[in-house]
Amino acid sequence: MRASLRVLDNLGKIQPDDIYDENLIRKLSQRSAVKIESKTIWLSLSPIEQHVLKAVAQLEAYDDDYAFNEAIKMLLQKRLLVLNRQDETLTITPPLFRHFIQTDPTTSD
């Protein structure tokens, strides 16, 4: 995400595997620029896409209907979801956006 790139200088040396470090993700996600970028992405999504992301984050129930499945396909194309073919699970990406969703964007300011 663009906002996170602006704050990397303040965090010191970061290794490639650090992108999955939950402490680093939490630190970055607290930055206002990252929050703004995440909110911008969130608001650009349709209500059904938002519902899918909240379902993947286990904040809402999955629906088994055409619109829900089509929204999954759109989010896969937008690369906001990744499908793990081995266990057929969905993951929200990038990790910073996943953290934003897990904190329930409908309750954040």
Protein backbone atom coordinates (compact mmCIF):
# COMPACT_ATOMS: atom_id res chain seq x y z
CA MET A 1 0.00 0.00 0.00
CA ARG A 2 1.27 3.43 -0.89
CA ALA A 3 0.88 4.86 2.60
CA SER A 4 3.00 2.17 4.21
CA LEU A 5 5.90 2.92 1.89
CA ARG A 6 6.10 6.46 3.27
CA VAL A 7 6.56 5.28 6.85
CA LEU A 8 9.09 2.50 6.27
CA ASP A 9 12.06 4.81 6.85
CA ASN A 10 10.94 5.31 10.46
CA LEU A 11 10.84 1.59 11.20
CA GLY A 12 14.47 0.75 10.53
CA LYS A 13 15.79 -2.21 8.54
CA ILE A 14 13.03 -4.54 7.38
CA GLN A 15 13.57 -7.99 5.91
CA PRO A 16 11.31 -9.45 3.18
CA ASP A 17 9.76 -11.96 5.60
CA ASP A 18 8.82 -9.12 7.97
CA ILE A 19 5.80 -8.36 5.79
CA TYR A 20 4.03 -11.23 7.59
CA ASP A 21 5.16 -10.22 11.09
CA GLU A 22 2.01 -9.35 13.03
CA ASN A 23 3.81 -6.79 15.24
CA LEU A 24 5.07 -4.90 12.20
CA ILE A 25 1.64 -5.07 10.58
CA ARG A 26 0.05 -3.75 13.77
CA LYS A 27 2.58 -0.89 13.98
CA LEU A 28 2.10 0.11 10.37
CA SER A 29 -1.67 -0.16 10.55
CA GLN A 30 -1.76 2.39 13.38
CA ARG A 31 -0.30 5.06 11.11
CA SER A 32 -2.88 7.57 9.94
CA ALA A 33 -1.70 7.39 6.31
CA VAL A 34 -2.22 3.61 6.30
CA LYS A 35 -5.64 3.97 7.93
CA ILE A 36 -6.66 6.53 5.32
CA GLU A 37 -5.48 4.34 2.44
CA SER A 38 -7.24 1.28 3.86
CA LYS A 39 -10.45 3.25 4.35
CA THR A 40 -10.20 4.55 0.77
CA ILE A 41 -9.96 1.00 -0.56
CA TRP A 42 -12.81 -0.11 1.72
CA LEU A 43 -15.10 2.68 0.57
CA SER A 44 -14.37 1.93 -3.09
CA LEU A 45 -15.84 -1.57 -2.70
CA SER A 46 -19.46 -2.49 -3.27
CA PRO A 47 -21.56 -3.50 -0.24
CA ILE A 48 -21.45 -7.17 -1.28
CA GLU A 49 -17.64 -7.04 -1.63
CA GLN A 50 -17.44 -5.52 1.85
CA HIS A 51 -19.70 -8.28 3.14
CA VAL A 52 -17.46 -10.96 1.58
CA LEU A 53 -14.35 -9.47 3.20
CA LYS A 54 -16.05 -9.33 6.58
CA ALA A 55 -17.15 -12.95 6.13
CA VAL A 56 -13.58 -14.01 5.30
CA ALA A 57 -12.45 -12.15 8.44
CA GLN A 58 -15.12 -14.09 10.36
CA LEU A 59 -17.03 -10.96 11.31
CA GLU A 60 -20.13 -11.99 9.38
CA ALA A 61 -21.61 -15.21 8.03
CA TYR A 62 -20.85 -16.58 4.58
CA ASP A 63 -23.68 -16.55 2.05
CA ASP A 64 -24.02 -19.27 -0.53
CA ASP A 65 -25.62 -17.36 -3.36
CA TYR A 66 -24.70 -16.10 -6.80
CA ALA A 67 -23.97 -12.48 -5.80
CA PHE A 68 -21.69 -13.55 -2.95
CA ASN A 69 -19.73 -15.92 -5.20
CA GLU A 70 -19.45 -13.29 -7.93
CA ALA A 71 -18.09 -10.80 -5.36
CA ILE A 72 -15.47 -13.38 -4.35
CA LYS A 73 -14.40 -13.61 -8.00
CA MET A 74 -14.15 -9.82 -8.25
CA LEU A 75 -12.06 -9.60 -5.07
CA LEU A 76 -9.76 -12.34 -6.39
CA GLN A 77 -9.32 -10.32 -9.61
CA LYS A 78 -8.63 -7.17 -7.59
CA ARG A 79 -6.09 -9.20 -5.58
CA LEU A 80 -7.76 -8.31 -2.30
CA LEU A 81 -8.38 -12.03 -1.79
CA VAL A 82 -6.09 -14.98 -2.43
CA LEU A 83 -7.31 -18.56 -2.75
CA ASN A 84 -5.22 -21.27 -1.13
CA ARG A 85 -5.97 -24.18 -3.45
CA GLN A 86 -4.61 -26.82 -1.05
CA ASP A 87 -7.14 -26.21 1.70
CA GLU A 88 -9.58 -24.06 -0.33
CA THR A 89 -9.42 -21.11 2.04
CA LEU A 90 -9.51 -17.42 1.24
CA THR A 91 -7.08 -14.86 2.67
CA ILE A 92 -7.41 -11.09 2.59
CA THR A 93 -4.40 -9.32 1.11
CA PRO A 94 -2.30 -7.30 1.52
CA PRO A 95 -1.66 -8.04 5.21
CA LEU A 96 -2.21 -4.38 6.20
CA PHE A 97 -5.63 -4.39 4.57
CA ARG A 98 -6.42 -7.72 6.26
CA HIS A 99 -5.64 -6.13 9.63
CA PHE A 100 -7.90 -3.20 8.77
CA ILE A 101 -10.77 -5.56 7.93
CA GLN A 102 -10.22 -7.66 11.05
CA THR A 103 -10.65 -4.55 13.18
CA ASP A 104 -14.14 -4.13 11.63
CA PRO A 105 -13.99 -1.08 9.34
CA THR A 106 -17.69 -0.31 9.88
CA THR A 107 -16.91 0.63 13.49
CA SER A 108 -13.70 2.60 12.84
CA ASP A 109 -13.62 6.35 12.43
